[in-house]
Amino acid sequence: MTATATPIVDCLVPAIVQTIEGVSWMMFYNDGTFQGYKSMPNGLNYKGKTYGKVGWNSDTHSVSYREMSVAYSA
């Protein structure tokens, strides 16, 4: 029997997930461009929590998400 791996569409893997003063944060690395930042989703669900995009650091090429309520259609 041969094992086959299949891709997960629209999958993002966080570089860091941490809780600071009771608030969960996630960070992703991107190409460091504003276009790369804008192309990241505005909201994410991860392990039962909802996160909103809150910042971009062009020096470290990172995009930050914070646990928060976001508006979306289900």
N, C-alpha and C. Protein backbone atom coordinates (compact mmCIF):
# COMPACT_ATOMS: atom_id res chain seq x y z
N MET A 1 0.85 -1.18 0.00
CA MET A 1 0.00 0.00 0.00
C MET A 1 0.90 1.25 0.00
N THR A 2 0.54 2.21 -0.82
CA THR A 2 1.28 3.47 -0.90
C THR A 2 0.51 4.56 -0.18
N ALA A 3 1.21 5.30 0.67
CA ALA A 3 0.59 6.43 1.38
C ALA A 3 0.66 7.66 0.50
N THR A 4 -0.40 8.44 0.53
CA THR A 4 -0.47 9.65 -0.28
C THR A 4 -0.76 10.84 0.60
N ALA A 5 -0.01 11.89 0.42
CA ALA A 5 -0.26 13.14 1.14
C ALA A 5 -1.11 14.04 0.25
N THR A 6 -2.08 14.71 0.84
CA THR A 6 -2.92 15.63 0.08
C THR A 6 -2.81 17.02 0.69
N PRO A 7 -2.82 18.04 -0.14
CA PRO A 7 -2.68 19.41 0.37
C PRO A 7 -3.94 19.87 1.11
N ILE A 8 -3.75 20.75 2.06
CA ILE A 8 -4.84 21.41 2.76
C ILE A 8 -4.98 22.80 2.15
N VAL A 9 -6.10 23.06 1.51
CA VAL A 9 -6.33 24.33 0.83
C VAL A 9 -6.43 25.46 1.86
N ASP A 10 -5.83 26.61 1.55
CA ASP A 10 -5.88 27.80 2.41
C ASP A 10 -5.37 27.54 3.82
N CYS A 11 -4.36 26.74 3.96
CA CYS A 11 -3.79 26.41 5.26
C CYS A 11 -2.69 27.42 5.62
N LEU A 12 -2.77 27.96 6.83
CA LEU A 12 -1.73 28.85 7.35
C LEU A 12 -1.18 28.23 8.63
N VAL A 13 0.12 28.21 8.78
CA VAL A 13 0.75 27.64 9.96
C VAL A 13 1.40 28.78 10.75
N PRO A 14 0.91 29.06 11.96
CA PRO A 14 1.48 30.17 12.73
C PRO A 14 2.91 29.87 13.17
N ALA A 15 3.74 30.92 13.18
CA ALA A 15 5.11 30.79 13.66
C ALA A 15 5.14 30.80 15.18
N ILE A 16 4.26 31.60 15.78
CA ILE A 16 4.20 31.73 17.24
C ILE A 16 2.74 31.83 17.65
N VAL A 17 2.37 31.12 18.71
CA VAL A 17 1.07 31.27 19.36
C VAL A 17 1.37 31.41 20.83
N GLN A 18 0.93 32.53 21.42
CA GLN A 18 1.22 32.75 22.84
C GLN A 18 0.11 33.57 23.49
N THR A 19 0.06 33.50 24.81
CA THR A 19 -0.90 34.29 25.58
C THR A 19 -0.12 35.31 26.39
N ILE A 20 -0.50 36.59 26.22
CA ILE A 20 0.14 37.69 26.93
C ILE A 20 -0.94 38.40 27.72
N GLU A 21 -0.79 38.43 29.03
CA GLU A 21 -1.75 39.08 29.92
C GLU A 21 -3.18 38.63 29.62
N GLY A 22 -3.36 37.33 29.42
CA GLY A 22 -4.67 36.75 29.22
C GLY A 22 -5.23 36.85 27.81
N VAL A 23 -4.49 37.44 26.89
CA VAL A 23 -4.95 37.58 25.50
C VAL A 23 -4.09 36.71 24.60
N SER A 24 -4.74 35.90 23.75
CA SER A 24 -4.01 35.03 22.82
C SER A 24 -3.58 35.81 21.58
N TRP A 25 -2.37 35.56 21.14
CA TRP A 25 -1.78 36.19 19.96
C TRP A 25 -1.21 35.12 19.04
N MET A 26 -1.22 35.39 17.75
CA MET A 26 -0.54 34.55 16.77
C MET A 26 0.30 35.45 15.87
N MET A 27 1.41 34.89 15.39
CA MET A 27 2.26 35.64 14.48
C MET A 27 2.65 34.75 13.31
N PHE A 28 2.63 35.34 12.13
CA PHE A 28 3.04 34.66 10.90
C PHE A 28 4.14 35.48 10.26
N TYR A 29 5.02 34.82 9.53
CA TYR A 29 6.02 35.52 8.72
C TYR A 29 5.54 35.56 7.28
N ASN A 30 5.83 36.68 6.60
CA ASN A 30 5.48 36.80 5.19
C ASN A 30 6.67 37.37 4.43
N ASP A 31 6.44 37.83 3.22
CA ASP A 31 7.54 38.32 2.39
C ASP A 31 8.01 39.73 2.77
N GLY A 32 7.37 40.36 3.75
CA GLY A 32 7.80 41.67 4.21
C GLY A 32 7.25 42.84 3.43
N THR A 33 6.42 42.57 2.44
CA THR A 33 5.85 43.66 1.64
C THR A 33 4.46 44.02 2.14
N PHE A 34 4.03 45.24 1.84
CA PHE A 34 2.68 45.66 2.20
C PHE A 34 1.65 44.79 1.48
N GLN A 35 1.93 44.45 0.23
CA GLN A 35 1.02 43.57 -0.53
C GLN A 35 0.89 42.21 0.15
N GLY A 36 2.00 41.68 0.65
CA GLY A 36 1.97 40.41 1.37
C GLY A 36 1.13 40.50 2.63
N TYR A 37 1.26 41.62 3.34
CA TYR A 37 0.44 41.86 4.53
C TYR A 37 -1.04 41.94 4.16
N LYS A 38 -1.37 42.72 3.13
CA LYS A 38 -2.76 42.90 2.73
C LYS A 38 -3.38 41.58 2.25
N SER A 39 -2.58 40.68 1.69
CA SER A 39 -3.13 39.42 1.19
C SER A 39 -3.43 38.42 2.30
N MET A 40 -2.93 38.66 3.50
CA MET A 40 -3.24 37.77 4.63
C MET A 40 -4.70 37.97 5.02
N PRO A 41 -5.38 36.93 5.50
CA PRO A 41 -6.79 37.07 5.89
C PRO A 41 -6.97 38.05 7.03
N ASN A 42 -8.10 38.75 7.05
CA ASN A 42 -8.39 39.69 8.14
C ASN A 42 -8.79 38.98 9.42
N GLY A 43 -9.30 37.78 9.30
CA GLY A 43 -9.70 37.01 10.47
C GLY A 43 -9.37 35.55 10.29
N LEU A 44 -9.08 34.88 11.41
CA LEU A 44 -8.75 33.45 11.40
C LEU A 44 -9.41 32.76 12.59
N ASN A 45 -9.78 31.51 12.41
CA ASN A 45 -10.20 30.66 13.51
C ASN A 45 -9.08 29.65 13.74
N TYR A 46 -8.68 29.49 14.99
CA TYR A 46 -7.59 28.57 15.32
C TYR A 46 -7.85 27.97 16.69
N LYS A 47 -7.97 26.66 16.73
CA LYS A 47 -8.18 25.91 17.97
C LYS A 47 -9.31 26.48 18.81
N GLY A 48 -10.43 26.77 18.15
CA GLY A 48 -11.63 27.23 18.85
C GLY A 48 -11.65 28.70 19.21
N LYS A 49 -10.64 29.46 18.79
CA LYS A 49 -10.59 30.90 19.06
C LYS A 49 -10.61 31.67 17.75
N THR A 50 -11.12 32.89 17.80
CA THR A 50 -11.17 33.76 16.63
C THR A 50 -10.16 34.88 16.81
N TYR A 51 -9.39 35.13 15.75
CA TYR A 51 -8.33 36.14 15.77
C TYR A 51 -8.55 37.15 14.66
N GLY A 52 -8.20 38.40 14.93
CA GLY A 52 -8.25 39.44 13.93
C GLY A 52 -6.86 39.97 13.65
N LYS A 53 -6.61 40.33 12.40
CA LYS A 53 -5.31 40.88 11.99
C LYS A 53 -5.16 42.27 12.58
N VAL A 54 -4.08 42.50 13.30
CA VAL A 54 -3.92 43.78 13.99
C VAL A 54 -2.61 44.50 13.69
N GLY A 55 -1.66 43.85 13.04
CA GLY A 55 -0.42 44.58 12.82
C GLY A 55 0.53 43.89 11.86
N TRP A 56 1.46 44.68 11.38
CA TRP A 56 2.46 44.22 10.42
C TRP A 56 3.77 44.90 10.76
N ASN A 57 4.86 44.15 10.76
CA ASN A 57 6.18 44.70 11.01
C ASN A 57 7.04 44.40 9.78
N SER A 58 7.32 45.43 9.00
CA SER A 58 8.10 45.23 7.77
C SER A 58 9.56 44.92 8.06
N ASP A 59 10.04 45.27 9.25
CA ASP A 59 11.43 44.97 9.61
C ASP A 59 11.63 43.48 9.90
N THR A 60 10.65 42.87 10.58
CA THR A 60 10.76 41.45 10.94
C THR A 60 9.95 40.56 10.00
N HIS A 61 9.24 41.17 9.03
CA HIS A 61 8.42 40.43 8.06
C HIS A 61 7.34 39.61 8.76
N SER A 62 6.72 40.20 9.78
CA SER A 62 5.73 39.46 10.55
C SER A 62 4.36 40.15 10.54
N VAL A 63 3.32 39.32 10.62
CA VAL A 63 1.93 39.78 10.69
C VAL A 63 1.35 39.24 11.99
N SER A 64 0.74 40.12 12.78
CA SER A 64 0.22 39.73 14.09
C SER A 64 -1.30 39.66 14.08
N TYR A 65 -1.81 38.68 14.79
CA TYR A 65 -3.24 38.48 14.99
C TYR A 65 -3.50 38.41 16.49
N ARG A 66 -4.63 38.98 16.91
CA ARG A 66 -5.02 39.01 18.32
C ARG A 66 -6.37 38.35 18.46
N GLU A 67 -6.58 37.62 19.55
CA GLU A 67 -7.89 37.04 19.80
C GLU A 67 -8.89 38.16 20.01
N MET A 68 -9.98 38.13 19.24
CA MET A 68 -10.98 39.19 19.30
C MET A 68 -12.25 38.75 18.59
N SER A 69 -13.30 39.51 18.76
CA SER A 69 -14.52 39.29 18.00
C SER A 69 -14.36 39.93 16.63
N VAL A 70 -14.75 39.22 15.60
CA VAL A 70 -14.72 39.77 14.24
C VAL A 70 -16.09 39.53 13.61
N ALA A 71 -16.43 40.36 12.65
CA ALA A 71 -17.72 40.22 11.94
C ALA A 71 -17.48 39.40 10.68
N TYR A 72 -18.29 38.37 10.49
CA TYR A 72 -18.22 37.58 9.26
C TYR A 72 -19.54 36.85 9.06
N SER A 73 -19.79 36.45 7.83
CA SER A 73 -21.01 35.69 7.55
C SER A 73 -20.68 34.21 7.59
N ALA A 74 -21.54 33.46 8.24
CA ALA A 74 -21.30 32.02 8.40
C ALA A 74 -21.84 31.25 7.23
